[in-house]
């Protein structure tokens, strides 16, 4: 067996192994290896179509691998610092918003989440105004009913980025590490919301005696 045949067989083995991979990073790594082997063999044999095909596939696999590794790194950093989720921006679609527009309403089917870039937005039911650089709507991804629990209104025209839950699922299942950190981030968001609700309940309880005193004074 010549060295060219050996490389060819090794490339074939990599291609077969890649077809059995379930996660994206090992698949891209094996794909790059297979491309290099096939490119070497095609160049030695003078197979121009094979050379051209692999010269196209090699940078594609390399770029996708780089993007996924960068995504994991950004998710990991975000999980240790804040919940801005800026690591999703390269995978999101830009969209303009108008004053008075409802990006979603309570009870709607949830199918995407948003990242605020510019403008002003408010969650109507809890009267919370969102700052720029915040993610909203991601909890619907974890909801069993996939329905909105709040209404998001645009107070001042601007721009948002959006990503569908289908795209999030693809990222989630393609790489277990991404799925782990996304779950962690959404869980932290949920706990933050619970803490906010508890603080509001405490505030209302403290204000209740004052309200009762005012009511008694008014009825006297």
Foldseek 3Di string as FASTA:
>chain_A
DDPLVVLQVVLVVLVVVLVPDQALLSNLVSQLSSLVSQLVSCVVVVVVVSVVVSVVSNVVSVVVNVLLVQLLVVLVVCLVPHLLSCSCVVVWAKDKDAAFDWPDAFFAQQWKKKAAADAWKAFPVVGDIDDHSHIPRPVLLVDPRRGHHTIMGTHHIDMMIMDTSVVVVCSLRNHVSSVVSVVSSVVVVVVVVVVVVVVVVVVVVVCVVVVVVVVVVVVD
